[in-house]
């Protein structure tokens, strides 16, 4: 990921901290914001499929991708807001996915501790 992403995430976290504080209620809102963003991505996908007959096709796959990117950035800001380095957290998560993927590719099942 580009360094500009991490700069943006840190700037967004700092801006929110400055304007809204860092209390548990604010952190709760930042985590709940993910649900809102996921809803927007879901709505865009429904619009891309034209699943609402009254509205027809209202979005493109590019719109869906943009909404999914908003979800990712919102998650990274929430991670940073909890006091963790989002790069480290994402790297650890990617390593877990890589390990599972390699296990699946080799036909070996490994039980997770989680």
PDB file of N, CA and C in Angstrom:
ATOM      1  N   UNK A   1       0.841  -1.179   0.000  1.00  0.00           N
ATOM      2  CA  UNK A   1       0.000   0.000   0.000  1.00  0.00           C
ATOM      3  C   UNK A   1       0.888   1.244   0.000  1.00  0.00           C
ATOM      4  N   UNK A   2       0.403   2.261  -0.616  1.00  0.00           N
ATOM      5  CA  UNK A   2       1.217   3.471  -0.743  1.00  0.00           C
ATOM      6  C   UNK A   2       1.294   4.216   0.586  1.00  0.00           C
ATOM      7  N   UNK A   3       2.361   4.953   0.736  1.00  0.00           N
ATOM      8  CA  UNK A   3       2.547   5.756   1.956  1.00  0.00           C
ATOM      9  C   UNK A   3       1.442   6.801   2.087  1.00  0.00           C
ATOM     10  N   UNK A   4       0.888   7.268   0.969  1.00  0.00           N
ATOM     11  CA  UNK A   4      -0.166   8.289   1.044  1.00  0.00           C
ATOM     12  C   UNK A   4      -1.409   7.751   1.752  1.00  0.00           C
ATOM     13  N   UNK A   5      -1.683   6.455   1.612  1.00  0.00           N
ATOM     14  CA  UNK A   5      -2.824   5.867   2.317  1.00  0.00           C
ATOM     15  C   UNK A   5      -2.636   6.010   3.822  1.00  0.00           C
ATOM     16  N   UNK A   6      -1.453   5.652   4.305  1.00  0.00           N
ATOM     17  CA  UNK A   6      -1.201   5.706   5.745  1.00  0.00           C
ATOM     18  C   UNK A   6      -1.223   7.151   6.243  1.00  0.00           C
ATOM     19  N   UNK A   7      -0.751   8.079   5.422  1.00  0.00           N
ATOM     20  CA  UNK A   7      -0.802   9.498   5.785  1.00  0.00           C
ATOM     21  C   UNK A   7      -2.251   9.955   5.894  1.00  0.00           C
ATOM     22  N   UNK A   8      -3.071   9.521   4.952  1.00  0.00           N
ATOM     23  CA  UNK A   8      -4.495   9.874   4.958  1.00  0.00           C
ATOM     24  C   UNK A   8      -5.190   9.303   6.185  1.00  0.00           C
ATOM     25  N   UNK A   9      -4.905   8.042   6.502  1.00  0.00           N
ATOM     26  CA  UNK A   9      -5.514   7.396   7.661  1.00  0.00           C
ATOM     27  C   UNK A   9      -5.126   8.148   8.936  1.00  0.00           C
ATOM     28  N   UNK A  10      -3.855   8.459   9.084  1.00  0.00           N
ATOM     29  CA  UNK A  10      -3.405   9.161  10.281  1.00  0.00           C
ATOM     30  C   UNK A  10      -4.014  10.555  10.359  1.00  0.00           C
ATOM     31  N   UNK A  11      -4.100  11.254   9.237  1.00  0.00           N
ATOM     32  CA  UNK A  11      -4.695  12.590   9.220  1.00  0.00           C
ATOM     33  C   UNK A  11      -6.178  12.537   9.580  1.00  0.00           C
ATOM     34  N   UNK A  12      -6.888  11.535   9.071  1.00  0.00           N
ATOM     35  CA  UNK A  12      -8.316  11.397   9.386  1.00  0.00           C
ATOM     36  C   UNK A  12      -8.501  11.103  10.870  1.00  0.00           C
ATOM     37  N   UNK A  13      -7.671  10.210  11.422  1.00  0.00           N
ATOM     38  CA  UNK A  13      -7.747   9.901  12.849  1.00  0.00           C
ATOM     39  C   UNK A  13      -7.472  11.147  13.681  1.00  0.00           C
ATOM     40  N   UNK A  14      -6.442  11.903  13.320  1.00  0.00           N
ATOM     41  CA  UNK A  14      -6.095  13.120  14.061  1.00  0.00           C
ATOM     42  C   UNK A  14      -7.212  14.154  13.977  1.00  0.00           C
ATOM     43  N   UNK A  15      -7.805  14.306  12.808  1.00  0.00           N
ATOM     44  CA  UNK A  15      -8.893  15.267  12.614  1.00  0.00           C
ATOM     45  C   UNK A  15     -10.100  14.879  13.470  1.00  0.00           C
ATOM     46  N   UNK A  16     -10.440  13.592  13.457  1.00  0.00           N
ATOM     47  CA  UNK A  16     -11.559  13.129  14.285  1.00  0.00           C
ATOM     48  C   UNK A  16     -11.258  13.315  15.769  1.00  0.00           C
ATOM     49  N   UNK A  17     -10.025  12.989  16.177  1.00  0.00           N
ATOM     50  CA  UNK A  17      -9.629  13.178  17.575  1.00  0.00           C
ATOM     51  C   UNK A  17      -9.803  14.631  17.986  1.00  0.00           C
ATOM     52  N   UNK A  18      -9.348  15.535  17.137  1.00  0.00           N
ATOM     53  CA  UNK A  18      -9.404  16.964  17.437  1.00  0.00           C
ATOM     54  C   UNK A  18     -10.841  17.460  17.572  1.00  0.00           C
ATOM     55  N   UNK A  19     -11.703  17.003  16.673  1.00  0.00           N
ATOM     56  CA  UNK A  19     -13.077  17.514  16.645  1.00  0.00           C
ATOM     57  C   UNK A  19     -14.036  16.750  17.546  1.00  0.00           C
ATOM     58  N   UNK A  20     -13.779  15.463  17.759  1.00  0.00           N
ATOM     59  CA  UNK A  20     -14.743  14.632  18.486  1.00  0.00           C
ATOM     60  C   UNK A  20     -14.190  14.001  19.760  1.00  0.00           C
ATOM     61  N   UNK A  21     -12.910  14.139  19.995  1.00  0.00           N
ATOM     62  CA  UNK A  21     -12.319  13.513  21.171  1.00  0.00           C
ATOM     63  C   UNK A  21     -11.971  12.055  20.916  1.00  0.00           C
ATOM     64  N   UNK A  22     -11.560  11.373  22.010  1.00  0.00           N
ATOM     65  CA  UNK A  22     -11.113   9.984  21.883  1.00  0.00           C
ATOM     66  C   UNK A  22     -11.785   9.069  22.897  1.00  0.00           C
ATOM     67  N   UNK A  23     -12.874   9.519  23.476  1.00  0.00           N
ATOM     68  CA  UNK A  23     -13.557   8.707  24.484  1.00  0.00           C
ATOM     69  C   UNK A  23     -14.176   7.451  23.887  1.00  0.00           C
ATOM     70  N   UNK A  24     -14.634   6.580  24.779  1.00  0.00           N
ATOM     71  CA  UNK A  24     -15.227   5.326  24.313  1.00  0.00           C
ATOM     72  C   UNK A  24     -16.448   5.540  23.419  1.00  0.00           C
ATOM     73  N   UNK A  25     -17.246   6.563  23.709  1.00  0.00           N
ATOM     74  CA  UNK A  25     -18.420   6.834  22.860  1.00  0.00           C
ATOM     75  C   UNK A  25     -17.974   7.190  21.444  1.00  0.00           C
ATOM     76  N   UNK A  26     -16.921   7.994  21.332  1.00  0.00           N
ATOM     77  CA  UNK A  26     -16.411   8.360  20.009  1.00  0.00           C
ATOM     78  C   UNK A  26     -15.824   7.140  19.293  1.00  0.00           C
ATOM     79  N   UNK A  27     -15.068   6.328  20.026  1.00  0.00           N
ATOM     80  CA  UNK A  27     -14.512   5.117  19.402  1.00  0.00           C
ATOM     81  C   UNK A  27     -15.622   4.183  18.946  1.00  0.00           C
ATOM     82  N   UNK A  28     -16.680   4.105  19.740  1.00  0.00           N
ATOM     83  CA  UNK A  28     -17.836   3.292  19.344  1.00  0.00           C
ATOM     84  C   UNK A  28     -18.416   3.793  18.032  1.00  0.00           C
ATOM     85  N   UNK A  29     -18.553   5.110  17.909  1.00  0.00           N
ATOM     86  CA  UNK A  29     -19.092   5.683  16.672  1.00  0.00           C
ATOM     87  C   UNK A  29     -18.191   5.382  15.481  1.00  0.00           C
ATOM     88  N   UNK A  30     -16.881   5.425  15.687  1.00  0.00           N
ATOM     89  CA  UNK A  30     -15.956   5.141  14.580  1.00  0.00           C
ATOM     90  C   UNK A  30     -16.070   3.689  14.138  1.00  0.00           C
ATOM     91  N   UNK A  31     -16.277   2.802  15.086  1.00  0.00           N
ATOM     92  CA  UNK A  31     -16.447   1.387  14.728  1.00  0.00           C
ATOM     93  C   UNK A  31     -17.804   1.178  14.063  1.00  0.00           C
ATOM     94  N   UNK A  32     -18.842   1.805  14.593  1.00  0.00           N
ATOM     95  CA  UNK A  32     -20.174   1.679  13.997  1.00  0.00           C
ATOM     96  C   UNK A  32     -20.236   2.296  12.606  1.00  0.00           C
ATOM     97  N   UNK A  33     -19.383   3.276  12.346  1.00  0.00           N
ATOM     98  CA  UNK A  33     -19.319   3.908  11.023  1.00  0.00           C
ATOM     99  C   UNK A  33     -19.043   2.854   9.949  1.00  0.00           C
ATOM    100  N   UNK A  34     -18.341   1.790  10.326  1.00  0.00           N
ATOM    101  CA  UNK A  34     -18.096   0.704   9.374  1.00  0.00           C
ATOM    102  C   UNK A  34     -19.403   0.127   8.846  1.00  0.00           C
ATOM    103  N   UNK A  35     -20.377  -0.037   9.743  1.00  0.00           N
ATOM    104  CA  UNK A  35     -21.673  -0.564   9.320  1.00  0.00           C
ATOM    105  C   UNK A  35     -22.338   0.325   8.292  1.00  0.00           C
ATOM    106  N   UNK A  36     -22.231   1.624   8.507  1.00  0.00           N
ATOM    107  CA  UNK A  36     -22.792   2.576   7.548  1.00  0.00           C
ATOM    108  C   UNK A  36     -22.113   2.431   6.185  1.00  0.00           C
ATOM    109  N   UNK A  37     -20.795   2.332   6.203  1.00  0.00           N
ATOM    110  CA  UNK A  37     -20.048   2.205   4.947  1.00  0.00           C
ATOM    111  C   UNK A  37     -20.355   0.887   4.244  1.00  0.00           C
ATOM    112  N   UNK A  38     -20.480  -0.183   5.012  1.00  0.00           N
ATOM    113  CA  UNK A  38     -20.840  -1.480   4.420  1.00  0.00           C
ATOM    114  C   UNK A  38     -22.229  -1.386   3.792  1.00  0.00           C
ATOM    115  N   UNK A  39     -23.131  -0.683   4.462  1.00  0.00           N
ATOM    116  CA  UNK A  39     -24.471  -0.487   3.904  1.00  0.00           C
ATOM    117  C   UNK A  39     -24.435   0.248   2.572  1.00  0.00           C
ATOM    118  N   UNK A  40     -23.560   1.249   2.473  1.00  0.00           N
ATOM    119  CA  UNK A  40     -23.430   1.982   1.217  1.00  0.00           C
ATOM    120  C   UNK A  40     -22.868   1.089   0.111  1.00  0.00           C
ATOM    121  N   UNK A  41     -21.916   0.226   0.460  1.00  0.00           N
ATOM    122  CA  UNK A  41     -21.367  -0.708  -0.528  1.00  0.00           C
ATOM    123  C   UNK A  41     -22.447  -1.704  -0.962  1.00  0.00           C
ATOM    124  N   UNK A  42     -23.222  -2.172  -0.003  1.00  0.00           N
ATOM    125  CA  UNK A  42     -24.308  -3.108  -0.315  1.00  0.00           C
ATOM    126  C   UNK A  42     -25.347  -2.455  -1.214  1.00  0.00           C
ATOM    127  N   UNK A  43     -25.694  -1.236  -0.896  1.00  0.00           N
ATOM    128  CA  UNK A  43     -26.664  -0.490  -1.702  1.00  0.00           C
ATOM    129  C   UNK A  43     -26.156  -0.292  -3.127  1.00  0.00           C
ATOM    130  N   UNK A  44     -24.873   0.017  -3.242  1.00  0.00           N
ATOM    131  CA  UNK A  44     -24.290   0.197  -4.577  1.00  0.00           C
ATOM    132  C   UNK A  44     -24.335  -1.104  -5.365  1.00  0.00           C
ATOM    133  N   UNK A  45     -24.074  -2.230  -4.706  1.00  0.00           N
ATOM    134  CA  UNK A  45     -24.106  -3.522  -5.402  1.00  0.00           C
ATOM    135  C   UNK A  45     -25.527  -3.840  -5.858  1.00  0.00           C
ATOM    136  N   UNK A  46     -26.502  -3.587  -4.982  1.00  0.00           N
ATOM    137  CA  UNK A  46     -27.903  -3.786  -5.375  1.00  0.00           C
ATOM    138  C   UNK A  46     -28.226  -2.905  -6.580  1.00  0.00           C
ATOM    139  N   UNK A  47     -27.724  -1.668  -6.561  1.00  0.00           N
ATOM    140  CA  UNK A  47     -27.940  -0.758  -7.688  1.00  0.00           C
ATOM    141  C   UNK A  47     -27.231  -1.206  -8.949  1.00  0.00           C
ATOM    142  N   UNK A  48     -26.065  -1.794  -8.795  1.00  0.00           N
ATOM    143  CA  UNK A  48     -25.325  -2.281  -9.963  1.00  0.00           C
ATOM    144  C   UNK A  48     -26.028  -3.477 -10.606  1.00  0.00           C
ATOM    145  N   UNK A  49     -26.694  -4.272  -9.764  1.00  0.00           N
ATOM    146  CA  UNK A  49     -27.429  -5.429 -10.285  1.00  0.00           C
ATOM    147  C   UNK A  49     -28.827  -5.064 -10.771  1.00  0.00           C
ATOM    148  N   UNK A  50     -29.278  -3.854 -10.453  1.00  0.00           N
ATOM    149  CA  UNK A  50     -30.630  -3.446 -10.835  1.00  0.00           C
ATOM    150  C   UNK A  50     -31.693  -4.212 -10.077  1.00  0.00           C
ATOM    151  N   UNK A  51     -31.405  -4.596  -8.849  1.00  0.00           N
ATOM    152  CA  UNK A  51     -32.308  -5.430  -8.067  1.00  0.00           C
ATOM    153  C   UNK A  51     -33.557  -4.710  -7.580  1.00  0.00           C
ATOM    154  N   UNK A  52     -33.557  -3.397  -7.600  1.00  0.00           N
ATOM    155  CA  UNK A  52     -34.756  -2.661  -7.231  1.00  0.00           C
ATOM    156  C   UNK A  52     -35.471  -2.285  -8.529  1.00  0.00           C
ATOM    157  N   UNK A  53     -36.578  -2.995  -8.852  1.00  0.00           N
ATOM    158  CA  UNK A  53     -37.263  -2.745 -10.127  1.00  0.00           C
ATOM    159  C   UNK A  53     -37.735  -1.305 -10.296  1.00  0.00           C
ATOM    160  N   UNK A  54     -38.026  -0.659  -9.199  1.00  0.00           N
ATOM    161  CA  UNK A  54     -38.485   0.724  -9.276  1.00  0.00           C
ATOM    162  C   UNK A  54     -37.373   1.658  -9.717  1.00  0.00           C
ATOM    163  N   UNK A  55     -36.130   1.347  -9.332  1.00  0.00           N
ATOM    164  CA  UNK A  55     -35.003   2.225  -9.643  1.00  0.00           C
ATOM    165  C   UNK A  55     -34.188   1.749 -10.835  1.00  0.00           C
ATOM    166  N   UNK A  56     -34.154   0.457 -11.073  1.00  0.00           N
ATOM    167  CA  UNK A  56     -33.322  -0.069 -12.152  1.00  0.00           C
ATOM    168  C   UNK A  56     -31.853  -0.037 -11.785  1.00  0.00           C
ATOM    169  N   UNK A  57     -30.993  -0.025 -12.785  1.00  0.00           N
ATOM    170  CA  UNK A  57     -29.544   0.007 -12.556  1.00  0.00           C
ATOM    171  C   UNK A  57     -29.151   1.434 -12.212  1.00  0.00           C
ATOM    172  N   UNK A  58     -28.585   1.599 -11.026  1.00  0.00           N
ATOM    173  CA  UNK A  58     -28.246   2.935 -10.535  1.00  0.00           C
ATOM    174  C   UNK A  58     -26.752   3.111 -10.257  1.00  0.00           C
ATOM    175  N   UNK A  59     -25.999   2.020 -10.244  1.00  0.00           N
ATOM    176  CA  UNK A  59     -24.578   2.085  -9.912  1.00  0.00           C
ATOM    177  C   UNK A  59     -23.778   1.202 -10.863  1.00  0.00           C
ATOM    178  N   UNK A  60     -22.488   1.431 -10.873  1.00  0.00           N
ATOM    179  CA  UNK A  60     -21.575   0.598 -11.647  1.00  0.00           C
ATOM    180  C   UNK A  60     -20.697  -0.208 -10.695  1.00  0.00           C
ATOM    181  N   UNK A  61     -19.972  -1.173 -11.251  1.00  0.00           N
ATOM    182  CA  UNK A  61     -19.014  -1.920 -10.425  1.00  0.00           C
ATOM    183  C   UNK A  61     -17.925  -0.988  -9.891  1.00  0.00           C
ATOM    184  N   UNK A  62     -17.600   0.040 -10.646  1.00  0.00           N
ATOM    185  CA  UNK A  62     -16.627   1.033 -10.161  1.00  0.00           C
ATOM    186  C   UNK A  62     -17.176   1.750  -8.932  1.00  0.00           C
ATOM    187  N   UNK A  63     -18.474   2.043  -8.915  1.00  0.00           N
ATOM    188  CA  UNK A  63     -19.094   2.650  -7.736  1.00  0.00           C
ATOM    189  C   UNK A  63     -18.979   1.714  -6.531  1.00  0.00           C
ATOM    190  N   UNK A  64     -19.218   0.434  -6.771  1.00  0.00           N
ATOM    191  CA  UNK A  64     -19.122  -0.557  -5.699  1.00  0.00           C
ATOM    192  C   UNK A  64     -17.688  -0.615  -5.173  1.00  0.00           C
ATOM    193  N   UNK A  65     -16.720  -0.647  -6.082  1.00  0.00           N
ATOM    194  CA  UNK A  65     -15.311  -0.686  -5.669  1.00  0.00           C
ATOM    195  C   UNK A  65     -14.963   0.543  -4.829  1.00  0.00           C
ATOM    196  N   UNK A  66     -15.456   1.708  -5.217  1.00  0.00           N
ATOM    197  CA  UNK A  66     -15.183   2.931  -4.459  1.00  0.00           C
ATOM    198  C   UNK A  66     -15.793   2.852  -3.065  1.00  0.00           C
ATOM    199  N   UNK A  67     -16.985   2.312  -2.977  1.00  0.00           N
ATOM    200  CA  UNK A  67     -17.624   2.165  -1.656  1.00  0.00           C
ATOM    201  C   UNK A  67     -16.860   1.157  -0.799  1.00  0.00           C
ATOM    202  N   UNK A  68     -16.370   0.082  -1.408  1.00  0.00           N
ATOM    203  CA  UNK A  68     -15.574  -0.889  -0.659  1.00  0.00           C
ATOM    204  C   UNK A  68     -14.265  -0.273  -0.166  1.00  0.00           C
ATOM    205  N   UNK A  69     -13.687   0.612  -0.968  1.00  0.00           N
ATOM    206  CA  UNK A  69     -12.485   1.317  -0.536  1.00  0.00           C
ATOM    207  C   UNK A  69     -12.796   2.197   0.671  1.00  0.00           C
ATOM    208  N   UNK A  70     -13.978   2.830   0.677  1.00  0.00           N
ATOM    209  CA  UNK A  70     -14.390   3.614   1.840  1.00  0.00           C
ATOM    210  C   UNK A  70     -14.480   2.736   3.089  1.00  0.00           C
ATOM    211  N   UNK A  71     -14.983   1.509   2.918  1.00  0.00           N
ATOM    212  CA  UNK A  71     -15.053   0.566   4.036  1.00  0.00           C
ATOM    213  C   UNK A  71     -13.649   0.296   4.574  1.00  0.00           C
ATOM    214  N   UNK A  72     -12.721   0.027   3.664  1.00  0.00           N
ATOM    215  CA  UNK A  72     -11.348  -0.291   4.075  1.00  0.00           C
ATOM    216  C   UNK A  72     -10.710   0.880   4.815  1.00  0.00           C
ATOM    217  N   UNK A  73     -10.861   2.075   4.292  1.00  0.00           N
ATOM    218  CA  UNK A  73     -10.258   3.244   4.935  1.00  0.00           C
ATOM    219  C   UNK A  73     -10.902   3.503   6.292  1.00  0.00           C
ATOM    220  N   UNK A  74     -12.212   3.357   6.373  1.00  0.00           N
ATOM    221  CA  UNK A  74     -12.903   3.545   7.643  1.00  0.00           C
ATOM    222  C   UNK A  74     -12.404   2.533   8.675  1.00  0.00           C
ATOM    223  N   UNK A  75     -12.175   1.306   8.248  1.00  0.00           N
ATOM    224  CA  UNK A  75     -11.645   0.283   9.156  1.00  0.00           C
ATOM    225  C   UNK A  75     -10.236   0.645   9.619  1.00  0.00           C
ATOM    226  N   UNK A  76      -9.415   1.127   8.713  1.00  0.00           N
ATOM    227  CA  UNK A  76      -8.052   1.511   9.081  1.00  0.00           C
ATOM    228  C   UNK A  76      -8.045   2.672  10.070  1.00  0.00           C
ATOM    229  N   UNK A  77      -8.943   3.633   9.872  1.00  0.00           N
ATOM    230  CA  UNK A  77      -9.042   4.756  10.806  1.00  0.00           C
ATOM    231  C   UNK A  77      -9.498   4.252  12.178  1.00  0.00           C
ATOM    232  N   UNK A  78     -10.441   3.321  12.198  1.00  0.00           N
ATOM    233  CA  UNK A  78     -10.907   2.767  13.469  1.00  0.00           C
ATOM    234  C   UNK A  78      -9.778   2.030  14.186  1.00  0.00           C
ATOM    235  N   UNK A  79      -8.982   1.268  13.438  1.00  0.00           N
ATOM    236  CA  UNK A  79      -7.840   0.565  14.035  1.00  0.00           C
ATOM    237  C   UNK A  79      -6.874   1.572  14.653  1.00  0.00           C
ATOM    238  N   UNK A  80      -6.553   2.619  13.912  1.00  0.00           N
ATOM    239  CA  UNK A  80      -5.644   3.653  14.429  1.00  0.00           C
ATOM    240  C   UNK A  80      -6.246   4.342  15.648  1.00  0.00           C
ATOM    241  N   UNK A  81      -7.558   4.541  15.637  1.00  0.00           N
ATOM    242  CA  UNK A  81      -8.236   5.200  16.745  1.00  0.00           C
ATOM    243  C   UNK A  81      -8.180   4.367  18.023  1.00  0.00           C
ATOM    244  N   UNK A  82      -8.070   3.065  17.869  1.00  0.00           N
ATOM    245  CA  UNK A  82      -7.945   2.175  19.027  1.00  0.00           C
ATOM    246  C   UNK A  82      -6.525   2.161  19.591  1.00  0.00           C
ATOM    247  N   UNK A  83      -5.628   2.872  18.912  1.00  0.00           N
ATOM    248  CA  UNK A  83      -4.261   2.982  19.399  1.00  0.00           C
ATOM    249  C   UNK A  83      -3.292   1.982  18.795  1.00  0.00           C
ATOM    250  N   UNK A  84      -3.714   1.309  17.732  1.00  0.00           N
ATOM    251  CA  UNK A  84      -2.856   0.343  17.059  1.00  0.00           C
ATOM    252  C   UNK A  84      -2.339   0.913  15.749  1.00  0.00           C
ATOM    253  N   UNK A  85      -1.201   0.412  15.315  1.00  0.00           N
ATOM    254  CA  UNK A  85      -0.664   0.789  14.011  1.00  0.00           C
ATOM    255  C   UNK A  85      -1.395  -0.048  12.968  1.00  0.00           C
ATOM    256  N   UNK A  86      -2.204   0.588  12.116  1.00  0.00           N
ATOM    257  CA  UNK A  86      -2.980  -0.181  11.148  1.00  0.00           C
ATOM    258  C   UNK A  86      -2.106  -1.020  10.213  1.00  0.00           C
ATOM    259  N   UNK A  87      -0.908  -0.545   9.884  1.00  0.00           N
ATOM    260  CA  UNK A  87      -0.007  -1.324   9.023  1.00  0.00           C
ATOM    261  C   UNK A  87       0.321  -2.663   9.659  1.00  0.00           C
ATOM    262  N   UNK A  88       0.648  -2.640  10.935  1.00  0.00           N
ATOM    263  CA  UNK A  88       0.998  -3.860  11.647  1.00  0.00           C
ATOM    264  C   UNK A  88      -0.201  -4.797  11.730  1.00  0.00           C
ATOM    265  N   UNK A  89      -1.361  -4.239  12.055  1.00  0.00           N
ATOM    266  CA  UNK A  89      -2.569  -5.056  12.182  1.00  0.00           C
ATOM    267  C   UNK A  89      -2.925  -5.693  10.839  1.00  0.00           C
ATOM    268  N   UNK A  90      -2.854  -4.920   9.769  1.00  0.00           N
ATOM    269  CA  UNK A  90      -3.170  -5.446   8.437  1.00  0.00           C
ATOM    270  C   UNK A  90      -2.138  -6.484   8.015  1.00  0.00           C
ATOM    271  N   UNK A  91      -0.871  -6.237   8.293  1.00  0.00           N
ATOM    272  CA  UNK A  91       0.169  -7.216   7.955  1.00  0.00           C
ATOM    273  C   UNK A  91      -0.074  -8.541   8.670  1.00  0.00           C
ATOM    274  N   UNK A  92      -0.451  -8.478   9.944  1.00  0.00           N
ATOM    275  CA  UNK A  92      -0.739  -9.711  10.702  1.00  0.00           C
ATOM    276  C   UNK A  92      -1.942 -10.438  10.112  1.00  0.00           C
ATOM    277  N   UNK A  93      -2.974  -9.686   9.771  1.00  0.00           N
ATOM    278  CA  UNK A  93      -4.169 -10.296   9.181  1.00  0.00           C
ATOM    279  C   UNK A  93      -3.836 -10.933   7.837  1.00  0.00           C
ATOM    280  N   UNK A  94      -3.014 -10.247   7.040  1.00  0.00           N
ATOM    281  CA  UNK A  94      -2.613 -10.792   5.739  1.00  0.00           C
ATOM    282  C   UNK A  94      -1.803 -12.075   5.923  1.00  0.00           C
ATOM    283  N   UNK A  95      -0.946 -12.107   6.933  1.00  0.00           N
ATOM    284  CA  UNK A  95      -0.148 -13.309   7.188  1.00  0.00           C
ATOM    285  C   UNK A  95      -1.052 -14.482   7.548  1.00  0.00           C
ATOM    286  N   UNK A  96      -2.118 -14.233   8.325  1.00  0.00           N
ATOM    287  CA  UNK A  96      -3.060 -15.300   8.663  1.00  0.00           C
ATOM    288  C   UNK A  96      -3.770 -15.814   7.415  1.00  0.00           C
ATOM    289  N   UNK A  97      -4.186 -14.894   6.548  1.00  0.00           N
ATOM    290  CA  UNK A  97      -4.855 -15.298   5.309  1.00  0.00           C
ATOM    291  C   UNK A  97      -3.895 -16.087   4.430  1.00  0.00           C
ATOM    292  N   UNK A  98      -2.658 -15.607   4.325  1.00  0.00           N
ATOM    293  CA  UNK A  98      -1.646 -16.319   3.537  1.00  0.00           C
ATOM    294  C   UNK A  98      -1.444 -17.733   4.060  1.00  0.00           C
ATOM    295  N   UNK A  99      -1.359 -17.860   5.377  1.00  0.00           N
ATOM    296  CA  UNK A  99      -1.145 -19.186   5.965  1.00  0.00           C
ATOM    297  C   UNK A  99      -2.329 -20.099   5.679  1.00  0.00           C
ATOM    298  N   UNK A 100      -3.542 -19.573   5.792  1.00  0.00           N
ATOM    299  CA  UNK A 100      -4.730 -20.388   5.483  1.00  0.00           C
ATOM    300  C   UNK A 100      -4.749 -20.757   4.011  1.00  0.00           C
ATOM    301  N   UNK A 101      -4.417 -19.796   3.155  1.00  0.00           N
ATOM    302  CA  UNK A 101      -4.428 -20.050   1.715  1.00  0.00           C
ATOM    303  C   UNK A 101      -3.418 -21.131   1.352  1.00  0.00           C
ATOM    304  N   UNK A 102      -2.242 -21.057   1.935  1.00  0.00           N
ATOM    305  CA  UNK A 102      -1.218 -22.063   1.662  1.00  0.00           C
ATOM    306  C   UNK A 102      -1.656 -23.416   2.176  1.00  0.00           C
ATOM    307  N   UNK A 103      -2.296 -23.435   3.338  1.00  0.00           N
ATOM    308  CA  UNK A 103      -2.791 -24.685   3.903  1.00  0.00           C
ATOM    309  C   UNK A 103      -3.828 -25.302   2.976  1.00  0.00           C
ATOM    310  N   UNK A 104      -4.742 -24.492   2.483  1.00  0.00           N
ATOM    311  CA  UNK A 104      -5.783 -24.982   1.574  1.00  0.00           C
ATOM    312  C   UNK A 104      -5.152 -25.485   0.278  1.00  0.00           C
ATOM    313  N   UNK A 105      -4.176 -24.746  -0.227  1.00  0.00           N
ATOM    314  CA  UNK A 105      -3.536 -25.129  -1.485  1.00  0.00           C
ATOM    315  C   UNK A 105      -2.839 -26.486  -1.369  1.00  0.00           C
ATOM    316  N   UNK A 106      -2.360 -26.803  -0.176  1.00  0.00           N
ATOM    317  CA  UNK A 106      -1.655 -28.070   0.009  1.00  0.00           C
ATOM    318  C   UNK A 106      -2.569 -29.155   0.579  1.00  0.00           C
ATOM    319  N   UNK A 107      -3.858 -28.847   0.738  1.00  0.00           N
ATOM    320  CA  UNK A 107      -4.817 -29.838   1.205  1.00  0.00           C
ATOM    321  C   UNK A 107      -4.651 -30.216   2.659  1.00  0.00           C
ATOM    322  N   UNK A 108      -4.049 -29.350   3.448  1.00  0.00           N
ATOM    323  CA  UNK A 108      -3.852 -29.630   4.863  1.00  0.00           C
ATOM    324  C   UNK A 108      -4.757 -28.707   5.669  1.00  0.00           C
ATOM    325  N   UNK A 109      -5.466 -29.288   6.591  1.00  0.00           N
ATOM    326  CA  UNK A 109      -6.336 -28.470   7.452  1.00  0.00           C
ATOM    327  C   UNK A 109      -5.637 -28.247   8.777  1.00  0.00           C
ATOM    328  N   UNK A 110      -5.574 -26.973   9.179  1.00  0.00           N
ATOM    329  CA  UNK A 110      -4.949 -26.624  10.448  1.00  0.00           C
ATOM    330  C   UNK A 110      -6.004 -25.924  11.297  1.00  0.00           C
ATOM    331  N   UNK A 111      -6.146 -26.374  12.532  1.00  0.00           N
ATOM    332  CA  UNK A 111      -7.085 -25.744  13.447  1.00  0.00           C
ATOM    333  C   UNK A 111      -6.519 -24.429  13.926  1.00  0.00           C
ATOM    334  N   UNK A 112      -7.360 -23.428  13.985  1.00  0.00           N
ATOM    335  CA  UNK A 112      -6.955 -22.098  14.436  1.00  0.00           C
ATOM    336  C   UNK A 112      -7.165 -21.976  15.934  1.00  0.00           C
ATOM    337  N   UNK A 113      -6.341 -21.141  16.567  1.00  0.00           N
ATOM    338  CA  UNK A 113      -6.503 -20.851  17.991  1.00  0.00           C
ATOM    339  C   UNK A 113      -7.667 -19.893  18.229  1.00  0.00           C
ATOM    340  N   UNK A 114      -8.115 -19.242  17.180  1.00  0.00           N
ATOM    341  CA  UNK A 114      -9.123 -18.184  17.334  1.00  0.00           C
ATOM    342  C   UNK A 114     -10.495 -18.692  17.054  1.00  0.00           C
TER     343      UNK A 114
END
